Amino acid sequence: VAAERVWSDDQKDFDCNTRQPGCSNVCFDHFFPVSHIRLW
């Protein structure tokens, strides 16, 4: 009911203060190797 919706936008709203292509994706993968929701 709740947790799945909270993590539904985790990658989309993971913002980095740079426009370098690929930087946000690499950093997100580093800090979130496996999503909470998939582990649960």
ModelCIF file with pLDDT and N, C-alpha, C, O atoms, coordinates in Angstrom:
data_MODEL
#
_entry.id   MODEL 
#
_entity.id                         1 
_entity.type                       polymer 
_entity.pdbx_number_of_molecules   1 
#
_entity_poly.entity_id                      1 
_entity_poly.type                           'polypeptide(L)' 
_entity_poly.nstd_linkage                   no 
_entity_poly.nstd_monomer                   no 
_entity_poly.pdbx_seq_one_letter_code       VAAERVWSDDQKDFDCNTRQPGCSNVCFDHFFPVSHIRLW 
_entity_poly.pdbx_seq_one_letter_code_can   VAAERVWSDDQKDFDCNTRQPGCSNVCFDHFFPVSHIRLW 
_entity_poly.pdbx_strand_id                 A 
#
loop_
_entity_poly_seq.entity_id 
_entity_poly_seq.num 
_entity_poly_seq.mon_id 
_entity_poly_seq.hetero 
1 1  VAL n 
1 2  ALA n 
1 3  ALA n 
1 4  GLU n 
1 5  ARG n 
1 6  VAL n 
1 7  TRP n 
1 8  SER n 
1 9  ASP n 
1 10 ASP n 
1 11 GLN n 
1 12 LYS n 
1 13 ASP n 
1 14 PHE n 
1 15 ASP n 
1 16 CYS n 
1 17 ASN n 
1 18 THR n 
1 19 ARG n 
1 20 GLN n 
1 21 PRO n 
1 22 GLY n 
1 23 CYS n 
1 24 SER n 
1 25 ASN n 
1 26 VAL n 
1 27 CYS n 
1 28 PHE n 
1 29 ASP n 
1 30 HIS n 
1 31 PHE n 
1 32 PHE n 
1 33 PRO n 
1 34 VAL n 
1 35 SER n 
1 36 HIS n 
1 37 ILE n 
1 38 ARG n 
1 39 LEU n 
1 40 TRP n 
#
_struct_asym.id          A 
_struct_asym.entity_id   1 
#
loop_
_ma_qa_metric.id 
_ma_qa_metric.mode 
_ma_qa_metric.name 
_ma_qa_metric.software_group_id 
_ma_qa_metric.type 
1 global pLDDT . pLDDT 
2 local  pLDDT . pLDDT 
#
_ma_qa_metric_global.metric_id      1 
_ma_qa_metric_global.metric_value   82.55 
_ma_qa_metric_global.model_id       1 
_ma_qa_metric_global.ordinal_id     1 
#
loop_
_ma_qa_metric_local.label_asym_id 
_ma_qa_metric_local.label_comp_id 
_ma_qa_metric_local.label_seq_id 
_ma_qa_metric_local.metric_id 
_ma_qa_metric_local.metric_value 
_ma_qa_metric_local.model_id 
_ma_qa_metric_local.ordinal_id 
A VAL 1  2 79.00 1 1  
A ALA 2  2 79.00 1 2  
A ALA 3  2 79.00 1 3  
A GLU 4  2 75.00 1 4  
A ARG 5  2 78.00 1 5  
A VAL 6  2 78.00 1 6  
A TRP 7  2 79.00 1 7  
A SER 8  2 74.00 1 8  
A ASP 9  2 70.00 1 9  
A ASP 10 2 73.00 1 10 
A GLN 11 2 74.00 1 11 
A LYS 12 2 76.00 1 12 
A ASP 13 2 77.00 1 13 
A PHE 14 2 83.00 1 14 
A ASP 15 2 84.00 1 15 
A CYS 16 2 86.00 1 16 
A ASN 17 2 86.00 1 17 
A THR 18 2 82.00 1 18 
A ARG 19 2 82.00 1 19 
A GLN 20 2 84.00 1 20 
A PRO 21 2 85.00 1 21 
A GLY 22 2 85.00 1 22 
A CYS 23 2 86.00 1 23 
A SER 24 2 87.00 1 24 
A ASN 25 2 87.00 1 25 
A VAL 26 2 89.00 1 26 
A CYS 27 2 89.00 1 27 
A PHE 28 2 87.00 1 28 
A ASP 29 2 86.00 1 29 
A HIS 30 2 87.00 1 30 
A PHE 31 2 86.00 1 31 
A PHE 32 2 85.00 1 32 
A PRO 33 2 85.00 1 33 
A VAL 34 2 84.00 1 34 
A SER 35 2 83.00 1 35 
A HIS 36 2 85.00 1 36 
A ILE 37 2 86.00 1 37 
A ARG 38 2 86.00 1 38 
A LEU 39 2 88.00 1 39 
A TRP 40 2 88.00 1 40 
#
loop_
_atom_site.group_PDB 
_atom_site.id 
_atom_site.type_symbol 
_atom_site.label_atom_id 
_atom_site.label_alt_id 
_atom_site.label_comp_id 
_atom_site.label_asym_id 
_atom_site.label_entity_id 
_atom_site.label_seq_id 
_atom_site.pdbx_PDB_ins_code 
_atom_site.Cartn_x 
_atom_site.Cartn_y 
_atom_site.Cartn_z 
_atom_site.occupancy 
_atom_site.B_iso_or_equiv 
_atom_site.pdbx_formal_charge 
_atom_site.auth_seq_id 
_atom_site.auth_comp_id 
_atom_site.auth_asym_id 
_atom_site.auth_atom_id 
_atom_site.pdbx_PDB_model_num 
ATOM 1   N N  . VAL A 1 1  ? 0.817  -1.213 0.000   1.00 79.00 ? 1  VAL A N  1 
ATOM 2   C CA . VAL A 1 1  ? 0.000  0.000  0.000   1.00 79.00 ? 1  VAL A CA 1 
ATOM 3   C C  . VAL A 1 1  ? 0.851  1.264  0.000   1.00 79.00 ? 1  VAL A C  1 
ATOM 4   O O  . VAL A 1 1  ? 0.533  2.219  -0.709  1.00 79.00 ? 1  VAL A O  1 
ATOM 5   N N  . ALA A 1 2  ? 1.935  1.286  0.790   1.00 79.00 ? 2  ALA A N  1 
ATOM 6   C CA . ALA A 1 2  ? 2.652  2.548  0.981   1.00 79.00 ? 2  ALA A CA 1 
ATOM 7   C C  . ALA A 1 2  ? 4.100  2.527  0.502   1.00 79.00 ? 2  ALA A C  1 
ATOM 8   O O  . ALA A 1 2  ? 4.505  3.400  -0.266  1.00 79.00 ? 2  ALA A O  1 
ATOM 9   N N  . ALA A 1 3  ? 4.878  1.553  0.938   1.00 79.00 ? 3  ALA A N  1 
ATOM 10  C CA . ALA A 1 3  ? 6.328  1.593  0.684   1.00 79.00 ? 3  ALA A CA 1 
ATOM 11  C C  . ALA A 1 3  ? 6.652  1.579  -0.800  1.00 79.00 ? 3  ALA A C  1 
ATOM 12  O O  . ALA A 1 3  ? 7.573  2.267  -1.239  1.00 79.00 ? 3  ALA A O  1 
ATOM 13  N N  . GLU A 1 4  ? 5.904  0.802  -1.578  1.00 75.00 ? 4  GLU A N  1 
ATOM 14  C CA . GLU A 1 4  ? 6.182  0.717  -3.013  1.00 75.00 ? 4  GLU A CA 1 
ATOM 15  C C  . GLU A 1 4  ? 6.057  2.077  -3.687  1.00 75.00 ? 4  GLU A C  1 
ATOM 16  O O  . GLU A 1 4  ? 6.828  2.395  -4.593  1.00 75.00 ? 4  GLU A O  1 
ATOM 17  N N  . ARG A 1 5  ? 5.092  2.879  -3.251  1.00 78.00 ? 5  ARG A N  1 
ATOM 18  C CA . ARG A 1 5  ? 4.899  4.208  -3.844  1.00 78.00 ? 5  ARG A CA 1 
ATOM 19  C C  . ARG A 1 5  ? 5.990  5.184  -3.411  1.00 78.00 ? 5  ARG A C  1 
ATOM 20  O O  . ARG A 1 5  ? 6.387  6.062  -4.178  1.00 78.00 ? 5  ARG A O  1 
ATOM 21  N N  . VAL A 1 6  ? 6.467  5.025  -2.189  1.00 78.00 ? 6  VAL A N  1 
ATOM 22  C CA . VAL A 1 6  ? 7.508  5.941  -1.706  1.00 78.00 ? 6  VAL A CA 1 
ATOM 23  C C  . VAL A 1 6  ? 8.782  5.794  -2.518  1.00 78.00 ? 6  VAL A C  1 
ATOM 24  O O  . VAL A 1 6  ? 9.464  6.783  -2.785  1.00 78.00 ? 6  VAL A O  1 
ATOM 25  N N  . TRP A 1 7  ? 9.111  4.567  -2.914  1.00 79.00 ? 7  TRP A N  1 
ATOM 26  C CA . TRP A 1 7  ? 10.348 4.331  -3.671  1.00 79.00 ? 7  TRP A CA 1 
ATOM 27  C C  . TRP A 1 7  ? 10.127 4.322  -5.179  1.00 79.00 ? 7  TRP A C  1 
ATOM 28  O O  . TRP A 1 7  ? 11.055 4.005  -5.923  1.00 79.00 ? 7  TRP A O  1 
ATOM 29  N N  . SER A 1 8  ? 8.937  4.656  -5.651  1.00 74.00 ? 8  SER A N  1 
ATOM 30  C CA . SER A 1 8  ? 8.678  4.589  -7.087  1.00 74.00 ? 8  SER A CA 1 
ATOM 31  C C  . SER A 1 8  ? 9.425  5.655  -7.874  1.00 74.00 ? 8  SER A C  1 
ATOM 32  O O  . SER A 1 8  ? 9.679  5.474  -9.065  1.00 74.00 ? 8  SER A O  1 
ATOM 33  N N  . ASP A 1 9  ? 9.780  6.758  -7.234  1.00 70.00 ? 9  ASP A N  1 
ATOM 34  C CA . ASP A 1 9  ? 10.435 7.865  -7.940  1.00 70.00 ? 9  ASP A CA 1 
ATOM 35  C C  . ASP A 1 9  ? 11.872 8.076  -7.465  1.00 70.00 ? 9  ASP A C  1 
ATOM 36  O O  . ASP A 1 9  ? 12.421 9.164  -7.634  1.00 70.00 ? 9  ASP A O  1 
ATOM 37  N N  . ASP A 1 10 ? 12.490 7.046  -6.870  1.00 73.00 ? 10 ASP A N  1 
ATOM 38  C CA . ASP A 1 10 ? 13.807 7.254  -6.270  1.00 73.00 ? 10 ASP A CA 1 
ATOM 39  C C  . ASP A 1 10 ? 14.877 7.617  -7.296  1.00 73.00 ? 10 ASP A C  1 
ATOM 40  O O  . ASP A 1 10 ? 15.700 8.494  -7.032  1.00 73.00 ? 10 ASP A O  1 
ATOM 41  N N  . GLN A 1 11 ? 14.889 6.965  -8.462  1.00 74.00 ? 11 GLN A N  1 
ATOM 42  C CA . GLN A 1 11 ? 15.900 7.306  -9.468  1.00 74.00 ? 11 GLN A CA 1 
ATOM 43  C C  . GLN A 1 11 ? 15.522 8.555  -10.246 1.00 74.00 ? 11 GLN A C  1 
ATOM 44  O O  . GLN A 1 11 ? 16.393 9.351  -10.597 1.00 74.00 ? 11 GLN A O  1 
ATOM 45  N N  . LYS A 1 12 ? 14.245 8.736  -10.518 1.00 76.00 ? 12 LYS A N  1 
ATOM 46  C CA . LYS A 1 12 ? 13.810 9.899  -11.301 1.00 76.00 ? 12 LYS A CA 1 
ATOM 47  C C  . LYS A 1 12 ? 14.118 11.202 -10.572 1.00 76.00 ? 12 LYS A C  1 
ATOM 48  O O  . LYS A 1 12 ? 14.497 12.188 -11.203 1.00 76.00 ? 12 LYS A O  1 
ATOM 49  N N  . ASP A 1 13 ? 13.957 11.217 -9.240  1.00 77.00 ? 13 ASP A N  1 
ATOM 50  C CA . ASP A 1 13 ? 14.171 12.433 -8.453  1.00 77.00 ? 13 ASP A CA 1 
ATOM 51  C C  . ASP A 1 13 ? 15.515 12.462 -7.744  1.00 77.00 ? 13 ASP A C  1 
ATOM 52  O O  . ASP A 1 13 ? 15.705 13.236 -6.806  1.00 77.00 ? 13 ASP A O  1 
ATOM 53  N N  . PHE A 1 14 ? 16.448 11.629 -8.183  1.00 83.00 ? 14 PHE A N  1 
ATOM 54  C CA . PHE A 1 14 ? 17.810 11.670 -7.658  1.00 83.00 ? 14 PHE A CA 1 
ATOM 55  C C  . PHE A 1 14 ? 18.579 12.718 -8.460  1.00 83.00 ? 14 PHE A C  1 
ATOM 56  O O  . PHE A 1 14 ? 19.031 12.442 -9.571  1.00 83.00 ? 14 PHE A O  1 
ATOM 57  N N  . ASP A 1 15 ? 18.728 13.909 -7.904  1.00 84.00 ? 15 ASP A N  1 
ATOM 58  C CA . ASP A 1 15 ? 19.305 15.040 -8.626  1.00 84.00 ? 15 ASP A CA 1 
ATOM 59  C C  . ASP A 1 15 ? 20.743 15.286 -8.195  1.00 84.00 ? 15 ASP A C  1 
ATOM 60  O O  . ASP A 1 15 ? 21.064 15.254 -7.007  1.00 84.00 ? 15 ASP A O  1 
ATOM 61  N N  . CYS A 1 16 ? 21.604 15.533 -9.182  1.00 86.00 ? 16 CYS A N  1 
ATOM 62  C CA . CYS A 1 16 ? 22.995 15.920 -8.929  1.00 86.00 ? 16 CYS A CA 1 
ATOM 63  C C  . CYS A 1 16 ? 23.224 17.302 -9.543  1.00 86.00 ? 16 CYS A C  1 
ATOM 64  O O  . CYS A 1 16 ? 22.641 17.643 -10.572 1.00 86.00 ? 16 CYS A O  1 
ATOM 65  N N  . ASN A 1 17 ? 24.083 18.089 -8.892  1.00 86.00 ? 17 ASN A N  1 
ATOM 66  C CA . ASN A 1 17 ? 24.307 19.466 -9.355  1.00 86.00 ? 17 ASN A CA 1 
ATOM 67  C C  . ASN A 1 17 ? 25.320 19.508 -10.498 1.00 86.00 ? 17 ASN A C  1 
ATOM 68  O O  . ASN A 1 17 ? 26.313 20.233 -10.443 1.00 86.00 ? 17 ASN A O  1 
ATOM 69  N N  . THR A 1 18 ? 25.048 18.721 -11.527 1.00 82.00 ? 18 THR A N  1 
ATOM 70  C CA . THR A 1 18 ? 25.858 18.720 -12.740 1.00 82.00 ? 18 THR A CA 1 
ATOM 71  C C  . THR A 1 18 ? 24.996 18.233 -13.893 1.00 82.00 ? 18 THR A C  1 
ATOM 72  O O  . THR A 1 18 ? 24.046 17.478 -13.687 1.00 82.00 ? 18 THR A O  1 
ATOM 73  N N  . ARG A 1 19 ? 25.320 18.656 -15.090 1.00 82.00 ? 19 ARG A N  1 
ATOM 74  C CA . ARG A 1 19 ? 24.615 18.204 -16.282 1.00 82.00 ? 19 ARG A CA 1 
ATOM 75  C C  . ARG A 1 19 ? 25.449 17.219 -17.084 1.00 82.00 ? 19 ARG A C  1 
ATOM 76  O O  . ARG A 1 19 ? 25.110 16.900 -18.224 1.00 82.00 ? 19 ARG A O  1 
ATOM 77  N N  . GLN A 1 20 ? 26.540 16.736 -16.496 1.00 84.00 ? 20 GLN A N  1 
ATOM 78  C CA . GLN A 1 20 ? 27.386 15.772 -17.190 1.00 84.00 ? 20 GLN A CA 1 
ATOM 79  C C  . GLN A 1 20 ? 26.591 14.493 -17.466 1.00 84.00 ? 20 GLN A C  1 
ATOM 80  O O  . GLN A 1 20 ? 26.089 13.882 -16.523 1.00 84.00 ? 20 GLN A O  1 
ATOM 81  N N  . PRO A 1 21 ? 26.460 14.069 -18.730 1.00 85.00 ? 21 PRO A N  1 
ATOM 82  C CA . PRO A 1 21 ? 25.682 12.859 -19.048 1.00 85.00 ? 21 PRO A CA 1 
ATOM 83  C C  . PRO A 1 21 ? 26.253 11.628 -18.345 1.00 85.00 ? 21 PRO A C  1 
ATOM 84  O O  . PRO A 1 21 ? 27.461 11.393 -18.370 1.00 85.00 ? 21 PRO A O  1 
ATOM 85  N N  . GLY A 1 22 ? 25.388 10.859 -17.731 1.00 85.00 ? 22 GLY A N  1 
ATOM 86  C CA . GLY A 1 22 ? 25.794 9.614  -17.078 1.00 85.00 ? 22 GLY A CA 1 
ATOM 87  C C  . GLY A 1 22 ? 26.198 9.764  -15.637 1.00 85.00 ? 22 GLY A C  1 
ATOM 88  O O  . GLY A 1 22 ? 26.264 8.762  -14.925 1.00 85.00 ? 22 GLY A O  1 
ATOM 89  N N  . CYS A 1 23 ? 26.475 10.968 -15.167 1.00 86.00 ? 23 CYS A N  1 
ATOM 90  C CA . CYS A 1 23 ? 26.953 11.159 -13.799 1.00 86.00 ? 23 CYS A CA 1 
ATOM 91  C C  . CYS A 1 23 ? 25.882 10.759 -12.786 1.00 86.00 ? 23 CYS A C  1 
ATOM 92  O O  . CYS A 1 23 ? 26.175 10.049 -11.824 1.00 86.00 ? 23 CYS A O  1 
ATOM 93  N N  . SER A 1 24 ? 24.662 11.202 -12.991 1.00 87.00 ? 24 SER A N  1 
ATOM 94  C CA . SER A 1 24 ? 23.591 10.883 -12.045 1.00 87.00 ? 24 SER A CA 1 
ATOM 95  C C  . SER A 1 24 ? 23.323 9.385  -11.993 1.00 87.00 ? 24 SER A C  1 
ATOM 96  O O  . SER A 1 24 ? 23.088 8.831  -10.919 1.00 87.00 ? 24 SER A O  1 
ATOM 97  N N  . ASN A 1 25 ? 23.358 8.728  -13.148 1.00 87.00 ? 25 ASN A N  1 
ATOM 98  C CA . ASN A 1 25 ? 23.107 7.286  -13.181 1.00 87.00 ? 25 ASN A CA 1 
ATOM 99  C C  . ASN A 1 25 ? 24.190 6.510  -12.437 1.00 87.00 ? 25 ASN A C  1 
ATOM 100 O O  . ASN A 1 25 ? 23.889 5.575  -11.695 1.00 87.00 ? 25 ASN A O  1 
ATOM 101 N N  . VAL A 1 26 ? 25.439 6.895  -12.635 1.00 89.00 ? 26 VAL A N  1 
ATOM 102 C CA . VAL A 1 26 ? 26.550 6.202  -11.970 1.00 89.00 ? 26 VAL A CA 1 
ATOM 103 C C  . VAL A 1 26 ? 26.490 6.415  -10.467 1.00 89.00 ? 26 VAL A C  1 
ATOM 104 O O  . VAL A 1 26 ? 26.678 5.474  -9.695  1.00 89.00 ? 26 VAL A O  1 
ATOM 105 N N  . CYS A 1 27 ? 26.230 7.646  -10.049 1.00 89.00 ? 27 CYS A N  1 
ATOM 106 C CA . CYS A 1 27 ? 26.161 7.936  -8.617  1.00 89.00 ? 27 CYS A CA 1 
ATOM 107 C C  . CYS A 1 27 ? 24.976 7.217  -7.967  1.00 89.00 ? 27 CYS A C  1 
ATOM 108 O O  . CYS A 1 27 ? 25.088 6.709  -6.852  1.00 89.00 ? 27 CYS A O  1 
ATOM 109 N N  . PHE A 1 28 ? 23.847 7.179  -8.667  1.00 87.00 ? 28 PHE A N  1 
ATOM 110 C CA . PHE A 1 28 ? 22.683 6.482  -8.112  1.00 87.00 ? 28 PHE A CA 1 
ATOM 111 C C  . PHE A 1 28 ? 22.969 4.990  -7.945  1.00 87.00 ? 28 PHE A C  1 
ATOM 112 O O  . PHE A 1 28 ? 22.604 4.392  -6.933  1.00 87.00 ? 28 PHE A O  1 
ATOM 113 N N  . ASP A 1 29 ? 23.620 4.396  -8.939  1.00 86.00 ? 29 ASP A N  1 
ATOM 114 C CA . ASP A 1 29 ? 23.947 2.978  -8.855  1.00 86.00 ? 29 ASP A CA 1 
ATOM 115 C C  . ASP A 1 29 ? 24.940 2.705  -7.722  1.00 86.00 ? 29 ASP A C  1 
ATOM 116 O O  . ASP A 1 29 ? 24.909 1.639  -7.107  1.00 86.00 ? 29 ASP A O  1 
ATOM 117 N N  . HIS A 1 30 ? 25.813 3.664  -7.453  1.00 87.00 ? 30 HIS A N  1 
ATOM 118 C CA . HIS A 1 30 ? 26.810 3.488  -6.385  1.00 87.00 ? 30 HIS A CA 1 
ATOM 119 C C  . HIS A 1 30 ? 26.154 3.548  -5.009  1.00 87.00 ? 30 HIS A C  1 
ATOM 120 O O  . HIS A 1 30 ? 26.466 2.727  -4.146  1.00 87.00 ? 30 HIS A O  1 
ATOM 121 N N  . PHE A 1 31 ? 25.268 4.488  -4.790  1.00 86.00 ? 31 PHE A N  1 
ATOM 122 C CA . PHE A 1 31 ? 24.657 4.665  -3.474  1.00 86.00 ? 31 PHE A CA 1 
ATOM 123 C C  . PHE A 1 31 ? 23.421 3.783  -3.274  1.00 86.00 ? 31 PHE A C  1 
ATOM 124 O O  . PHE A 1 31 ? 23.028 3.532  -2.135  1.00 86.00 ? 31 PHE A O  1 
ATOM 125 N N  . PHE A 1 32 ? 22.799 3.307  -4.367  1.00 85.00 ? 32 PHE A N  1 
ATOM 126 C CA . PHE A 1 32 ? 21.656 2.411  -4.282  1.00 85.00 ? 32 PHE A CA 1 
ATOM 127 C C  . PHE A 1 32 ? 21.928 1.162  -5.114  1.00 85.00 ? 32 PHE A C  1 
ATOM 128 O O  . PHE A 1 32 ? 21.293 0.969  -6.151  1.00 85.00 ? 32 PHE A O  1 
ATOM 129 N N  . PRO A 1 33 ? 22.865 0.304  -4.679  1.00 85.00 ? 33 PRO A N  1 
ATOM 130 C CA . PRO A 1 33 ? 23.178 -0.889 -5.481  1.00 85.00 ? 33 PRO A CA 1 
ATOM 131 C C  . PRO A 1 33 ? 21.976 -1.804 -5.665  1.00 85.00 ? 33 PRO A C  1 
ATOM 132 O O  . PRO A 1 33 ? 21.805 -2.402 -6.727  1.00 85.00 ? 33 PRO A O  1 
ATOM 133 N N  . VAL A 1 34 ? 21.138 -1.914 -4.629  1.00 84.00 ? 34 VAL A N  1 
ATOM 134 C CA . VAL A 1 34 ? 19.885 -2.668 -4.719  1.00 84.00 ? 34 VAL A CA 1 
ATOM 135 C C  . VAL A 1 34 ? 18.803 -1.844 -4.036  1.00 84.00 ? 34 VAL A C  1 
ATOM 136 O O  . VAL A 1 34 ? 18.996 -1.342 -2.929  1.00 84.00 ? 34 VAL A O  1 
ATOM 137 N N  . SER A 1 35 ? 17.675 -1.712 -4.699  1.00 83.00 ? 35 SER A N  1 
ATOM 138 C CA . SER A 1 35 ? 16.585 -0.911 -4.142  1.00 83.00 ? 35 SER A CA 1 
ATOM 139 C C  . SER A 1 35 ? 16.013 -1.564 -2.884  1.00 83.00 ? 35 SER A C  1 
ATOM 140 O O  . SER A 1 35 ? 15.922 -2.788 -2.790  1.00 83.00 ? 35 SER A O  1 
ATOM 141 N N  . HIS A 1 36 ? 15.631 -0.724 -1.921  1.00 85.00 ? 36 HIS A N  1 
ATOM 142 C CA . HIS A 1 36 ? 14.969 -1.223 -0.718  1.00 85.00 ? 36 HIS A CA 1 
ATOM 143 C C  . HIS A 1 36 ? 13.765 -2.089 -1.080  1.00 85.00 ? 36 HIS A C  1 
ATOM 144 O O  . HIS A 1 36 ? 13.558 -3.160 -0.511  1.00 85.00 ? 36 HIS A O  1 
ATOM 145 N N  . ILE A 1 37 ? 12.987 -1.610 -2.025  1.00 86.00 ? 37 ILE A N  1 
ATOM 146 C CA . ILE A 1 37 ? 11.721 -2.252 -2.334  1.00 86.00 ? 37 ILE A CA 1 
ATOM 147 C C  . ILE A 1 37 ? 11.934 -3.640 -2.914  1.00 86.00 ? 37 ILE A C  1 
ATOM 148 O O  . ILE A 1 37 ? 11.147 -4.547 -2.643  1.00 86.00 ? 37 ILE A O  1 
ATOM 149 N N  . ARG A 1 38 ? 12.993 -3.826 -3.715  1.00 86.00 ? 38 ARG A N  1 
ATOM 150 C CA . ARG A 1 38 ? 13.267 -5.144 -4.294  1.00 86.00 ? 38 ARG A CA 1 
ATOM 151 C C  . ARG A 1 38 ? 13.839 -6.091 -3.238  1.00 86.00 ? 38 ARG A C  1 
ATOM 152 O O  . ARG A 1 38 ? 13.534 -7.283 -3.244  1.00 86.00 ? 38 ARG A O  1 
ATOM 153 N N  . LEU A 1 39 ? 14.654 -5.571 -2.348  1.00 88.00 ? 39 LEU A N  1 
ATOM 154 C CA . LEU A 1 39 ? 15.155 -6.399 -1.251  1.00 88.00 ? 39 LEU A CA 1 
ATOM 155 C C  . LEU A 1 39 ? 14.024 -6.854 -0.344  1.00 88.00 ? 39 LEU A C  1 
ATOM 156 O O  . LEU A 1 39 ? 13.989 -8.011 0.074   1.00 88.00 ? 39 LEU A O  1 
ATOM 157 N N  . TRP A 1 40 ? 13.092 -5.947 -0.035  1.00 88.00 ? 40 TRP A N  1 
ATOM 158 C CA . TRP A 1 40 ? 11.949 -6.316 0.802   1.00 88.00 ? 40 TRP A CA 1 
ATOM 159 C C  . TRP A 1 40 ? 11.080 -7.356 0.112   1.00 88.00 ? 40 TRP A C  1 
ATOM 160 O O  . TRP A 1 40 ? 10.070 -7.786 0.670   1.00 88.00 ? 40 TRP A O  1 
#
